PDB file of N, CA and C in Angstrom:
ATOM      1  N   UNK A   1      -3.738  24.353  18.951  1.00  0.00           N
ATOM      2  CA  UNK A   1      -3.761  25.335  17.199  1.00  0.00           C
ATOM      3  C   UNK A   1      -4.539  24.611  16.899  1.00  0.00           C
ATOM      4  N   UNK A   2      -5.010  25.577  15.988  1.00  0.00           N
ATOM      5  CA  UNK A   2      -6.461  24.031  14.695  1.00  0.00           C
ATOM      6  C   UNK A   2      -5.816  23.802  13.883  1.00  0.00           C
ATOM      7  N   UNK A   3      -5.894  22.235  13.407  1.00  0.00           N
ATOM      8  CA  UNK A   3      -5.554  22.002  12.437  1.00  0.00           C
ATOM      9  C   UNK A   3      -7.134  22.747  11.383  1.00  0.00           C
ATOM     10  N   UNK A   4      -6.168  22.514   9.987  1.00  0.00           N
ATOM     11  CA  UNK A   4      -7.655  22.752   9.249  1.00  0.00           C
ATOM     12  C   UNK A   4      -7.837  21.688   7.988  1.00  0.00           C
ATOM     13  N   UNK A   5      -9.284  21.986   7.961  1.00  0.00           N
ATOM     14  CA  UNK A   5     -10.228  20.528   7.444  1.00  0.00           C
ATOM     15  C   UNK A   5      -9.231  20.119   5.802  1.00  0.00           C
ATOM     16  N   UNK A   6      -9.319  19.090   5.647  1.00  0.00           N
ATOM     17  CA  UNK A   6      -8.871  18.916   4.156  1.00  0.00           C
ATOM     18  C   UNK A   6      -9.492  17.911   3.604  1.00  0.00           C
ATOM     19  N   UNK A   7      -9.930  17.729   2.628  1.00  0.00           N
ATOM     20  CA  UNK A   7     -10.500  16.804   2.013  1.00  0.00           C
ATOM     21  C   UNK A   7     -10.215  16.445   0.516  1.00  0.00           C
ATOM     22  N   UNK A   8     -10.907  15.729  -0.054  1.00  0.00           N
ATOM     23  CA  UNK A   8     -10.042  15.274  -1.194  1.00  0.00           C
ATOM     24  C   UNK A   8     -11.006  13.867  -1.599  1.00  0.00           C
ATOM     25  N   UNK A   9     -10.795  13.239  -2.935  1.00  0.00           N
ATOM     26  CA  UNK A   9     -11.261  12.508  -3.599  1.00  0.00           C
ATOM     27  C   UNK A   9     -10.564  10.908  -4.092  1.00  0.00           C
ATOM     28  N   UNK A  10     -10.769   9.943  -3.495  1.00  0.00           N
ATOM     29  CA  UNK A  10      -9.940   8.632  -3.275  1.00  0.00           C
ATOM     30  C   UNK A  10      -9.488   8.486  -4.667  1.00  0.00           C
ATOM     31  N   UNK A  11     -10.690   8.124  -5.300  1.00  0.00           N
ATOM     32  CA  UNK A  11     -10.610   7.801  -6.419  1.00  0.00           C
ATOM     33  C   UNK A  11     -10.223   8.696  -8.087  1.00  0.00           C
ATOM     34  N   UNK A  12     -10.550   9.764  -7.717  1.00  0.00           N
ATOM     35  CA  UNK A  12     -10.463  11.030  -8.652  1.00  0.00           C
ATOM     36  C   UNK A  12      -9.293  10.846  -9.180  1.00  0.00           C
ATOM     37  N   UNK A  13      -8.703  11.683 -10.558  1.00  0.00           N
ATOM     38  CA  UNK A  13      -7.344  11.949 -10.659  1.00  0.00           C
ATOM     39  C   UNK A  13      -5.882  10.576 -10.245  1.00  0.00           C
ATOM     40  N   UNK A  14      -6.439   9.407 -10.720  1.00  0.00           N
ATOM     41  CA  UNK A  14      -6.137   8.830 -10.049  1.00  0.00           C
ATOM     42  C   UNK A  14      -4.573   8.329 -10.737  1.00  0.00           C
ATOM     43  N   UNK A  15      -4.686   7.663 -12.154  1.00  0.00           N
ATOM     44  CA  UNK A  15      -3.823   7.386 -12.594  1.00  0.00           C
ATOM     45  C   UNK A  15      -3.767   7.710 -14.239  1.00  0.00           C
ATOM     46  N   UNK A  16      -3.403   8.881 -14.756  1.00  0.00           N
ATOM     47  CA  UNK A  16      -3.385   9.289 -16.333  1.00  0.00           C
ATOM     48  C   UNK A  16      -3.207   7.819 -17.260  1.00  0.00           C
ATOM     49  N   UNK A  17      -3.933   7.359 -17.966  1.00  0.00           N
ATOM     50  CA  UNK A  17      -4.231   6.760 -19.216  1.00  0.00           C
ATOM     51  C   UNK A  17      -2.288   6.640 -19.700  1.00  0.00           C
ATOM     52  N   UNK A  18      -2.591   5.687 -19.808  1.00  0.00           N
ATOM     53  CA  UNK A  18      -0.606   5.238 -20.657  1.00  0.00           C
ATOM     54  C   UNK A  18       0.715   5.671 -19.336  1.00  0.00           C
ATOM     55  N   UNK A  19       0.336   6.652 -18.064  1.00  0.00           N
ATOM     56  CA  UNK A  19       1.080   6.784 -17.535  1.00  0.00           C
ATOM     57  C   UNK A  19       2.484   5.647 -17.335  1.00  0.00           C
ATOM     58  N   UNK A  20       3.793   5.957 -17.009  1.00  0.00           N
ATOM     59  CA  UNK A  20       4.680   4.944 -16.135  1.00  0.00           C
ATOM     60  C   UNK A  20       4.494   5.085 -15.284  1.00  0.00           C
ATOM     61  N   UNK A  21       5.211   3.695 -14.382  1.00  0.00           N
ATOM     62  CA  UNK A  21       5.261   3.677 -13.175  1.00  0.00           C
ATOM     63  C   UNK A  21       4.350   3.585 -11.885  1.00  0.00           C
ATOM     64  N   UNK A  22       4.781   4.016 -10.664  1.00  0.00           N
ATOM     65  CA  UNK A  22       3.610   3.682  -9.459  1.00  0.00           C
ATOM     66  C   UNK A  22       3.066   5.689  -8.899  1.00  0.00           C
ATOM     67  N   UNK A  23       1.761   5.005  -8.531  1.00  0.00           N
ATOM     68  CA  UNK A  23       2.142   6.519  -8.324  1.00  0.00           C
ATOM     69  C   UNK A  23       1.630   6.425  -7.134  1.00  0.00           C
ATOM     70  N   UNK A  24       2.252   7.794  -5.944  1.00  0.00           N
ATOM     71  CA  UNK A  24       2.306   7.097  -4.878  1.00  0.00           C
ATOM     72  C   UNK A  24       1.818   8.570  -4.152  1.00  0.00           C
ATOM     73  N   UNK A  25       0.644   8.979  -3.171  1.00  0.00           N
ATOM     74  CA  UNK A  25      -0.039  10.250  -3.246  1.00  0.00           C
ATOM     75  C   UNK A  25      -0.052  10.521  -1.373  1.00  0.00           C
ATOM     76  N   UNK A  26       0.293  10.719  -0.200  1.00  0.00           N
ATOM     77  CA  UNK A  26       0.140  10.981   0.707  1.00  0.00           C
ATOM     78  C   UNK A  26      -0.976  11.718   0.885  1.00  0.00           C
ATOM     79  N   UNK A  27      -2.455  10.806   1.743  1.00  0.00           N
ATOM     80  CA  UNK A  27      -3.246  11.513   2.082  1.00  0.00           C
ATOM     81  C   UNK A  27      -4.034  12.616   3.271  1.00  0.00           C
ATOM     82  N   UNK A  28      -2.803  11.788   4.109  1.00  0.00           N
ATOM     83  CA  UNK A  28      -2.431  11.558   5.780  1.00  0.00           C
ATOM     84  C   UNK A  28      -1.479  11.934   6.384  1.00  0.00           C
ATOM     85  N   UNK A  29      -1.095  12.629   6.606  1.00  0.00           N
ATOM     86  CA  UNK A  29       0.989  12.599   7.192  1.00  0.00           C
ATOM     87  C   UNK A  29      -0.273  13.647   8.968  1.00  0.00           C
ATOM     88  N   UNK A  30      -0.072  12.856  10.301  1.00  0.00           N
ATOM     89  CA  UNK A  30       0.525  13.649  11.416  1.00  0.00           C
ATOM     90  C   UNK A  30       1.409  12.162  11.884  1.00  0.00           C
ATOM     91  N   UNK A  31       1.646  12.735  12.852  1.00  0.00           N
ATOM     92  CA  UNK A  31       2.197  12.252  14.383  1.00  0.00           C
ATOM     93  C   UNK A  31       2.094  10.888  14.337  1.00  0.00           C
ATOM     94  N   UNK A  32       2.894   9.686  13.908  1.00  0.00           N
ATOM     95  CA  UNK A  32       2.328   7.821  14.222  1.00  0.00           C
ATOM     96  C   UNK A  32       1.695   7.849  13.150  1.00  0.00           C
ATOM     97  N   UNK A  33       1.298   8.353  12.429  1.00  0.00           N
ATOM     98  CA  UNK A  33       0.516   7.396  11.643  1.00  0.00           C
ATOM     99  C   UNK A  33       0.132   8.839  10.014  1.00  0.00           C
ATOM    100  N   UNK A  34       0.536   7.523   8.683  1.00  0.00           N
ATOM    101  CA  UNK A  34       0.249   7.837   7.522  1.00  0.00           C
ATOM    102  C   UNK A  34      -0.670   6.931   7.001  1.00  0.00           C
ATOM    103  N   UNK A  35      -1.364   7.593   5.786  1.00  0.00           N
ATOM    104  CA  UNK A  35      -2.182   7.646   4.599  1.00  0.00           C
ATOM    105  C   UNK A  35      -1.665   7.675   3.586  1.00  0.00           C
ATOM    106  N   UNK A  36      -1.566   6.339   2.258  1.00  0.00           N
ATOM    107  CA  UNK A  36      -1.311   6.459   1.571  1.00  0.00           C
ATOM    108  C   UNK A  36      -2.184   6.273   0.521  1.00  0.00           C
ATOM    109  N   UNK A  37      -1.800   6.686  -0.727  1.00  0.00           N
ATOM    110  CA  UNK A  37      -2.802   6.496  -1.963  1.00  0.00           C
ATOM    111  C   UNK A  37      -1.854   5.537  -3.156  1.00  0.00           C
ATOM    112  N   UNK A  38      -1.805   4.211  -3.346  1.00  0.00           N
ATOM    113  CA  UNK A  38      -0.465   3.863  -4.408  1.00  0.00           C
ATOM    114  C   UNK A  38      -1.667   3.786  -5.615  1.00  0.00           C
ATOM    115  N   UNK A  39      -1.100   3.587  -6.534  1.00  0.00           N
ATOM    116  CA  UNK A  39      -1.939   3.023  -7.994  1.00  0.00           C
ATOM    117  C   UNK A  39      -0.400   2.463  -8.831  1.00  0.00           C
ATOM    118  N   UNK A  40      -1.200   1.248  -8.794  1.00  0.00           N
ATOM    119  CA  UNK A  40       0.125   0.424  -9.495  1.00  0.00           C
ATOM    120  C   UNK A  40      -0.375  -0.066 -11.085  1.00  0.00           C
ATOM    121  N   UNK A  41      -0.098  -0.280 -11.897  1.00  0.00           N
ATOM    122  CA  UNK A  41      -0.414  -0.980 -13.070  1.00  0.00           C
ATOM    123  C   UNK A  41       1.046  -2.040 -13.766  1.00  0.00           C
ATOM    124  N   UNK A  42       1.197  -3.055 -12.594  1.00  0.00           N
ATOM    125  CA  UNK A  42       1.126  -4.434 -13.149  1.00  0.00           C
ATOM    126  C   UNK A  42       2.717  -3.705 -12.684  1.00  0.00           C
ATOM    127  N   UNK A  43       3.192  -3.292 -11.899  1.00  0.00           N
ATOM    128  CA  UNK A  43       4.399  -2.791 -10.939  1.00  0.00           C
ATOM    129  C   UNK A  43       4.423  -4.143 -10.204  1.00  0.00           C
ATOM    130  N   UNK A  44       6.004  -4.438  -9.943  1.00  0.00           N
ATOM    131  CA  UNK A  44       6.483  -5.501  -8.829  1.00  0.00           C
ATOM    132  C   UNK A  44       7.179  -5.218  -8.263  1.00  0.00           C
ATOM    133  N   UNK A  45       7.963  -5.762  -6.909  1.00  0.00           N
ATOM    134  CA  UNK A  45       8.640  -5.270  -6.299  1.00  0.00           C
ATOM    135  C   UNK A  45      10.107  -6.061  -7.394  1.00  0.00           C
ATOM    136  N   UNK A  46      11.573  -5.064  -6.645  1.00  0.00           N
ATOM    137  CA  UNK A  46      12.717  -5.502  -8.328  1.00  0.00           C
ATOM    138  C   UNK A  46      12.656  -7.026  -7.246  1.00  0.00           C
ATOM    139  N   UNK A  47      13.675  -7.719  -8.214  1.00  0.00           N
ATOM    140  CA  UNK A  47      14.526  -8.985  -7.913  1.00  0.00           C
ATOM    141  C   UNK A  47      14.811  -9.460  -6.227  1.00  0.00           C
ATOM    142  N   UNK A  48      14.597  -9.694  -5.496  1.00  0.00           N
ATOM    143  CA  UNK A  48      14.728 -10.102  -4.308  1.00  0.00           C
ATOM    144  C   UNK A  48      15.552  -8.723  -3.558  1.00  0.00           C
ATOM    145  N   UNK A  49      14.140  -7.805  -3.396  1.00  0.00           N
ATOM    146  CA  UNK A  49      13.807  -6.490  -2.608  1.00  0.00           C
ATOM    147  C   UNK A  49      13.013  -7.490  -1.769  1.00  0.00           C
ATOM    148  N   UNK A  50      13.135  -6.419  -0.745  1.00  0.00           N
ATOM    149  CA  UNK A  50      11.671  -7.050   0.688  1.00  0.00           C
ATOM    150  C   UNK A  50      11.560  -5.668   1.161  1.00  0.00           C
ATOM    151  N   UNK A  51       9.890  -5.587   1.446  1.00  0.00           N
ATOM    152  CA  UNK A  51       9.353  -4.046   2.249  1.00  0.00           C
ATOM    153  C   UNK A  51      10.530  -4.896   3.873  1.00  0.00           C
ATOM    154  N   UNK A  52      10.590  -4.009   4.669  1.00  0.00           N
ATOM    155  CA  UNK A  52      10.645  -4.071   5.719  1.00  0.00           C
ATOM    156  C   UNK A  52      11.020  -3.311   6.995  1.00  0.00           C
ATOM    157  N   UNK A  53       9.993  -2.365   7.081  1.00  0.00           N
ATOM    158  CA  UNK A  53       9.165  -1.151   7.380  1.00  0.00           C
ATOM    159  C   UNK A  53       9.033  -1.151   9.114  1.00  0.00           C
ATOM    160  N   UNK A  54       9.320  -0.602   9.549  1.00  0.00           N
ATOM    161  CA  UNK A  54       9.459  -0.102  10.755  1.00  0.00           C
ATOM    162  C   UNK A  54       7.996   0.269  11.717  1.00  0.00           C
ATOM    163  N   UNK A  55       7.077   0.583  11.002  1.00  0.00           N
ATOM    164  CA  UNK A  55       5.948   1.417  11.224  1.00  0.00           C
ATOM    165  C   UNK A  55       4.876  -0.407  10.354  1.00  0.00           C
ATOM    166  N   UNK A  56       3.616  -0.154  12.167  1.00  0.00           N
ATOM    167  CA  UNK A  56       2.964  -1.524  10.392  1.00  0.00           C
ATOM    168  C   UNK A  56       1.828  -0.308   9.778  1.00  0.00           C
ATOM    169  N   UNK A  57       1.695  -1.656   8.549  1.00  0.00           N
ATOM    170  CA  UNK A  57       0.778  -0.935   7.907  1.00  0.00           C
ATOM    171  C   UNK A  57       0.052  -1.648   7.058  1.00  0.00           C
ATOM    172  N   UNK A  58      -1.193  -0.814   7.432  1.00  0.00           N
ATOM    173  CA  UNK A  58      -2.846  -1.757   6.880  1.00  0.00           C
ATOM    174  C   UNK A  58      -3.240  -1.264   6.136  1.00  0.00           C
ATOM    175  N   UNK A  59      -3.325  -2.514   5.166  1.00  0.00           N
ATOM    176  CA  UNK A  59      -3.220  -2.051   3.615  1.00  0.00           C
ATOM    177  C   UNK A  59      -5.034  -2.484   3.175  1.00  0.00           C
ATOM    178  N   UNK A  60      -5.797  -1.768   2.514  1.00  0.00           N
ATOM    179  CA  UNK A  60      -6.988  -2.100   1.475  1.00  0.00           C
ATOM    180  C   UNK A  60      -6.477  -2.691  -0.195  1.00  0.00           C
ATOM    181  N   UNK A  61      -7.731  -3.095  -0.520  1.00  0.00           N
ATOM    182  CA  UNK A  61      -7.334  -3.231  -2.361  1.00  0.00           C
ATOM    183  C   UNK A  61      -8.276  -2.316  -2.842  1.00  0.00           C
ATOM    184  N   UNK A  62      -8.306  -1.474  -3.163  1.00  0.00           N
ATOM    185  CA  UNK A  62      -9.250  -0.821  -2.816  1.00  0.00           C
ATOM    186  C   UNK A  62     -10.435  -1.069  -4.482  1.00  0.00           C
ATOM    187  N   UNK A  63      -8.933  -1.085  -5.481  1.00  0.00           N
ATOM    188  CA  UNK A  63      -9.929  -1.325  -7.417  1.00  0.00           C
ATOM    189  C   UNK A  63      -8.302  -2.574  -7.569  1.00  0.00           C
ATOM    190  N   UNK A  64      -8.617  -3.387  -8.640  1.00  0.00           N
ATOM    191  CA  UNK A  64      -7.701  -4.318  -8.961  1.00  0.00           C
ATOM    192  C   UNK A  64      -7.149  -5.512  -8.561  1.00  0.00           C
ATOM    193  N   UNK A  65      -6.379  -5.945  -8.732  1.00  0.00           N
ATOM    194  CA  UNK A  65      -5.636  -7.009  -8.234  1.00  0.00           C
ATOM    195  C   UNK A  65      -4.406  -7.611  -7.489  1.00  0.00           C
ATOM    196  N   UNK A  66      -3.402  -7.914  -6.738  1.00  0.00           N
ATOM    197  CA  UNK A  66      -2.578  -8.519  -6.995  1.00  0.00           C
ATOM    198  C   UNK A  66      -2.188  -9.392  -6.155  1.00  0.00           C
ATOM    199  N   UNK A  67      -0.972 -10.273  -6.199  1.00  0.00           N
ATOM    200  CA  UNK A  67      -0.174 -11.247  -4.899  1.00  0.00           C
ATOM    201  C   UNK A  67       0.620 -10.268  -4.037  1.00  0.00           C
ATOM    202  N   UNK A  68       0.706 -10.922  -3.013  1.00  0.00           N
ATOM    203  CA  UNK A  68       1.421  -9.774  -2.360  1.00  0.00           C
ATOM    204  C   UNK A  68       2.318 -11.266  -1.157  1.00  0.00           C
ATOM    205  N   UNK A  69       3.595 -11.445  -1.340  1.00  0.00           N
ATOM    206  CA  UNK A  69       4.688 -12.622  -0.656  1.00  0.00           C
ATOM    207  C   UNK A  69       4.929 -11.861   0.286  1.00  0.00           C
ATOM    208  N   UNK A  70       4.215 -12.802   1.436  1.00  0.00           N
ATOM    209  CA  UNK A  70       5.021 -13.163   3.148  1.00  0.00           C
ATOM    210  C   UNK A  70       6.064 -13.627   3.071  1.00  0.00           C
ATOM    211  N   UNK A  71       7.590 -12.990   3.806  1.00  0.00           N
ATOM    212  CA  UNK A  71       8.370 -13.938   4.330  1.00  0.00           C
ATOM    213  C   UNK A  71       8.058 -15.225   4.640  1.00  0.00           C
ATOM    214  N   UNK A  72       8.408 -16.473   4.456  1.00  0.00           N
ATOM    215  CA  UNK A  72       8.345 -17.684   5.389  1.00  0.00           C
ATOM    216  C   UNK A  72       7.229 -17.940   5.037  1.00  0.00           C
ATOM    217  N   UNK A  73       6.232 -17.930   3.909  1.00  0.00           N
ATOM    218  CA  UNK A  73       5.393 -18.786   3.314  1.00  0.00           C
ATOM    219  C   UNK A  73       4.744 -19.021   1.885  1.00  0.00           C
ATOM    220  N   UNK A  74       4.993 -19.638   1.549  1.00  0.00           N
ATOM    221  CA  UNK A  74       5.128 -20.647   0.362  1.00  0.00           C
ATOM    222  C   UNK A  74       4.350 -20.081  -0.740  1.00  0.00           C
ATOM    223  N   UNK A  75       2.897 -19.712  -1.042  1.00  0.00           N
ATOM    224  CA  UNK A  75       3.017 -19.251  -2.094  1.00  0.00           C
ATOM    225  C   UNK A  75       2.399 -17.802  -2.003  1.00  0.00           C
ATOM    226  N   UNK A  76       2.627 -16.776  -2.732  1.00  0.00           N
ATOM    227  CA  UNK A  76       1.956 -15.298  -3.082  1.00  0.00           C
ATOM    228  C   UNK A  76       0.703 -15.611  -2.170  1.00  0.00           C
ATOM    229  N   UNK A  77      -0.096 -14.453  -1.475  1.00  0.00           N
ATOM    230  CA  UNK A  77      -2.126 -14.038  -1.509  1.00  0.00           C
ATOM    231  C   UNK A  77      -2.463 -13.160  -2.792  1.00  0.00           C
ATOM    232  N   UNK A  78      -3.136 -14.144  -2.663  1.00  0.00           N
ATOM    233  CA  UNK A  78      -3.369 -13.301  -3.536  1.00  0.00           C
ATOM    234  C   UNK A  78      -4.941 -12.315  -3.241  1.00  0.00           C
ATOM    235  N   UNK A  79      -4.442 -10.817  -3.754  1.00  0.00           N
ATOM    236  CA  UNK A  79      -5.781  -9.884  -3.067  1.00  0.00           C
ATOM    237  C   UNK A  79      -6.574  -9.371  -3.722  1.00  0.00           C
ATOM    238  N   UNK A  80      -7.902  -9.340  -4.059  1.00  0.00           N
ATOM    239  CA  UNK A  80      -8.671  -8.023  -5.251  1.00  0.00           C
ATOM    240  C   UNK A  80      -9.501  -7.192  -4.247  1.00  0.00           C
ATOM    241  N   UNK A  81     -10.276  -6.785  -5.035  1.00  0.00           N
ATOM    242  CA  UNK A  81     -10.574  -5.390  -4.849  1.00  0.00           C
ATOM    243  C   UNK A  81     -11.525  -5.631  -3.119  1.00  0.00           C
ATOM    244  N   UNK A  82     -10.941  -5.019  -2.126  1.00  0.00           N
ATOM    245  CA  UNK A  82     -11.602  -5.321  -0.506  1.00  0.00           C
ATOM    246  C   UNK A  82     -11.738  -6.061  -0.326  1.00  0.00           C
ATOM    247  N   UNK A  83     -10.089  -7.074  -0.487  1.00  0.00           N
ATOM    248  CA  UNK A  83      -9.447  -7.196   0.317  1.00  0.00           C
ATOM    249  C   UNK A  83      -8.877  -6.619   0.898  1.00  0.00           C
ATOM    250  N   UNK A  84      -8.020  -6.776   2.683  1.00  0.00           N
ATOM    251  CA  UNK A  84      -6.717  -6.021   3.571  1.00  0.00           C
ATOM    252  C   UNK A  84      -6.010  -7.052   4.720  1.00  0.00           C
ATOM    253  N   UNK A  85      -5.061  -6.729   4.556  1.00  0.00           N
ATOM    254  CA  UNK A  85      -4.358  -7.160   5.728  1.00  0.00           C
ATOM    255  C   UNK A  85      -3.302  -6.248   6.229  1.00  0.00           C
ATOM    256  N   UNK A  86      -3.133  -5.961   7.450  1.00  0.00           N
ATOM    257  CA  UNK A  86      -2.255  -5.064   8.391  1.00  0.00           C
ATOM    258  C   UNK A  86      -0.868  -6.798   8.436  1.00  0.00           C
ATOM    259  N   UNK A  87      -0.001  -5.640   7.938  1.00  0.00           N
ATOM    260  CA  UNK A  87       1.127  -5.941   8.423  1.00  0.00           C
ATOM    261  C   UNK A  87       2.130  -5.086   9.380  1.00  0.00           C
ATOM    262  N   UNK A  88       2.392  -5.992  10.375  1.00  0.00           N
ATOM    263  CA  UNK A  88       2.908  -5.345  11.505  1.00  0.00           C
ATOM    264  C   UNK A  88       4.579  -4.785  11.571  1.00  0.00           C
ATOM    265  N   UNK A  89       5.365  -3.841  12.058  1.00  0.00           N
ATOM    266  CA  UNK A  89       6.509  -3.744  12.016  1.00  0.00           C
ATOM    267  C   UNK A  89       7.179  -5.183  11.617  1.00  0.00           C
ATOM    268  N   UNK A  90       7.939  -4.879  10.495  1.00  0.00           N
ATOM    269  CA  UNK A  90       9.241  -5.693   9.961  1.00  0.00           C
ATOM    270  C   UNK A  90       8.562  -7.097   9.973  1.00  0.00           C
ATOM    271  N   UNK A  91       7.372  -6.835   9.286  1.00  0.00           N
ATOM    272  CA  UNK A  91       6.825  -8.356   8.819  1.00  0.00           C
ATOM    273  C   UNK A  91       6.849  -8.035   6.889  1.00  0.00           C
ATOM    274  N   UNK A  92       9.007  -8.217   6.430  1.00  0.00           N
ATOM    275  CA  UNK A  92       9.087  -8.833   4.834  1.00  0.00           C
ATOM    276  C   UNK A  92       7.441  -9.113   4.032  1.00  0.00           C
ATOM    277  N   UNK A  93       7.621  -8.288   3.652  1.00  0.00           N
ATOM    278  CA  UNK A  93       6.728  -8.803   2.570  1.00  0.00           C
ATOM    279  C   UNK A  93       7.266  -8.222   0.936  1.00  0.00           C
ATOM    280  N   UNK A  94       6.611  -8.733  -0.251  1.00  0.00           N
ATOM    281  CA  UNK A  94       7.223  -8.160  -1.383  1.00  0.00           C
ATOM    282  C   UNK A  94       6.126  -7.965  -2.436  1.00  0.00           C
ATOM    283  N   UNK A  95       5.824  -7.454  -3.187  1.00  0.00           N
ATOM    284  CA  UNK A  95       4.516  -7.057  -3.805  1.00  0.00           C
ATOM    285  C   UNK A  95       5.083  -8.402  -5.264  1.00  0.00           C
ATOM    286  N   UNK A  96       5.005  -9.281  -5.254  1.00  0.00           N
ATOM    287  CA  UNK A  96       4.898 -10.314  -6.908  1.00  0.00           C
ATOM    288  C   UNK A  96       4.225  -9.892  -8.150  1.00  0.00           C
ATOM    289  N   UNK A  97       2.438  -9.440  -8.098  1.00  0.00           N
ATOM    290  CA  UNK A  97       2.133  -9.127  -8.760  1.00  0.00           C
ATOM    291  C   UNK A  97       1.000  -8.217  -9.093  1.00  0.00           C
ATOM    292  N   UNK A  98       1.017  -7.094 -10.231  1.00  0.00           N
ATOM    293  CA  UNK A  98      -0.154  -6.381 -10.044  1.00  0.00           C
ATOM    294  C   UNK A  98      -1.060  -6.487 -10.981  1.00  0.00           C
ATOM    295  N   UNK A  99      -2.781  -6.761 -11.889  1.00  0.00           N
ATOM    296  CA  UNK A  99      -2.814  -6.438 -12.899  1.00  0.00           C
ATOM    297  C   UNK A  99      -2.469  -5.827 -14.052  1.00  0.00           C
ATOM    298  N   UNK A 100      -1.567  -5.802 -14.702  1.00  0.00           N
ATOM    299  CA  UNK A 100      -1.492  -4.663 -15.628  1.00  0.00           C
ATOM    300  C   UNK A 100      -2.333  -4.392 -16.933  1.00  0.00           C
ATOM    301  N   UNK A 101      -3.679  -4.456 -16.917  1.00  0.00           N
ATOM    302  CA  UNK A 101      -4.601  -4.491 -17.532  1.00  0.00           C
ATOM    303  C   UNK A 101      -4.955  -3.572 -16.953  1.00  0.00           C
ATOM    304  N   UNK A 102      -5.170  -3.442 -15.791  1.00  0.00           N
ATOM    305  CA  UNK A 102      -6.265  -2.103 -15.162  1.00  0.00           C
ATOM    306  C   UNK A 102      -5.284  -1.528 -13.667  1.00  0.00           C
ATOM    307  N   UNK A 103      -5.663  -0.662 -13.299  1.00  0.00           N
ATOM    308  CA  UNK A 103      -5.252  -0.081 -12.476  1.00  0.00           C
ATOM    309  C   UNK A 103      -5.748  -0.325 -10.991  1.00  0.00           C
ATOM    310  N   UNK A 104      -4.678  -1.184 -10.376  1.00  0.00           N
ATOM    311  CA  UNK A 104      -4.485  -1.296  -8.795  1.00  0.00           C
ATOM    312  C   UNK A 104      -4.169   0.067  -7.704  1.00  0.00           C
ATOM    313  N   UNK A 105      -5.370  -0.542  -7.002  1.00  0.00           N
ATOM    314  CA  UNK A 105      -5.517   0.885  -6.435  1.00  0.00           C
ATOM    315  C   UNK A 105      -5.011   0.557  -4.451  1.00  0.00           C
ATOM    316  N   UNK A 106      -4.310   0.748  -4.406  1.00  0.00           N
ATOM    317  CA  UNK A 106      -4.295   0.548  -2.693  1.00  0.00           C
ATOM    318  C   UNK A 106      -4.172   1.478  -1.652  1.00  0.00           C
ATOM    319  N   UNK A 107      -4.902   1.606  -1.077  1.00  0.00           N
ATOM    320  CA  UNK A 107      -5.244   2.266   0.228  1.00  0.00           C
ATOM    321  C   UNK A 107      -3.688   1.969   1.744  1.00  0.00           C
ATOM    322  N   UNK A 108      -2.701   2.909   1.952  1.00  0.00           N
ATOM    323  CA  UNK A 108      -2.204   2.082   3.095  1.00  0.00           C
ATOM    324  C   UNK A 108      -1.475   2.430   4.023  1.00  0.00           C
ATOM    325  N   UNK A 109      -2.377   2.334   5.126  1.00  0.00           N
ATOM    326  CA  UNK A 109      -2.599   3.550   6.752  1.00  0.00           C
ATOM    327  C   UNK A 109      -0.598   2.759   7.705  1.00  0.00           C
ATOM    328  N   UNK A 110      -0.198   3.581   7.424  1.00  0.00           N
ATOM    329  CA  UNK A 110       0.813   3.520   8.575  1.00  0.00           C
ATOM    330  C   UNK A 110       1.456   4.087   9.926  1.00  0.00           C
ATOM    331  N   UNK A 111       1.236   2.893  10.429  1.00  0.00           N
ATOM    332  CA  UNK A 111       0.941   3.324  12.063  1.00  0.00           C
ATOM    333  C   UNK A 111       2.313   2.801  12.661  1.00  0.00           C
ATOM    334  N   UNK A 112       2.510   3.917  13.942  1.00  0.00           N
ATOM    335  CA  UNK A 112       2.960   3.621  14.976  1.00  0.00           C
ATOM    336  C   UNK A 112       3.273   2.509  15.719  1.00  0.00           C
ATOM    337  N   UNK A 113       4.635   1.578  15.756  1.00  0.00           N
ATOM    338  CA  UNK A 113       4.274   0.742  16.457  1.00  0.00           C
ATOM    339  C   UNK A 113       4.850   0.812  17.518  1.00  0.00           C
ATOM    340  N   UNK A 114       3.916  -0.136  18.268  1.00  0.00           N
ATOM    341  CA  UNK A 114       3.764  -0.236  19.913  1.00  0.00           C
ATOM    342  C   UNK A 114       4.741   0.585  21.007  1.00  0.00           C
ATOM    343  N   UNK A 115       3.965   0.608  21.988  1.00  0.00           N
ATOM    344  CA  UNK A 115       5.060   1.942  23.055  1.00  0.00           C
ATOM    345  C   UNK A 115       5.673   0.950  23.147  1.00  0.00           C
ATOM    346  N   UNK A 116       7.241   0.985  23.230  1.00  0.00           N
ATOM    347  CA  UNK A 116       7.762  -0.787  23.945  1.00  0.00           C
ATOM    348  C   UNK A 116       8.334  -1.514  22.654  1.00  0.00           C
ATOM    349  N   UNK A 117       7.441  -1.400  21.374  1.00  0.00           N
ATOM    350  CA  UNK A 117       8.601  -2.295  20.261  1.00  0.00           C
ATOM    351  C   UNK A 117       8.485  -1.771  19.508  1.00  0.00           C
ATOM    352  N   UNK A 118       9.411  -2.482  18.474  1.00  0.00           N
ATOM    353  CA  UNK A 118       9.914  -1.420  17.217  1.00  0.00           C
ATOM    354  C   UNK A 118      10.033  -2.954  16.224  1.00  0.00           C
TER     355      UNK A 118
END
């Protein structure tokens, strides 16, 4: 069965001015792969909350700025537009800060763990 073509614009219609909360948009979803656009406007992870995902997550900061804390590291990593990081499965991390003055746009690529791993 042939899959239909899909298109879009990464930076179009991102977040209306004054919108509350983060925005999450799936751009592509296939078995073992999901690409998501996340738009933050000052949001952070809740206190004592850590992301701990069974899949890997490759993240590109498209616009804005953020601080990402990886469990076991002494201080958060400062990310700016163009920076990326590959978080392997179960790499516990949290968002410590996103710029409240502008949109922080993340492109997150979630991928299945290696065969035989989790």
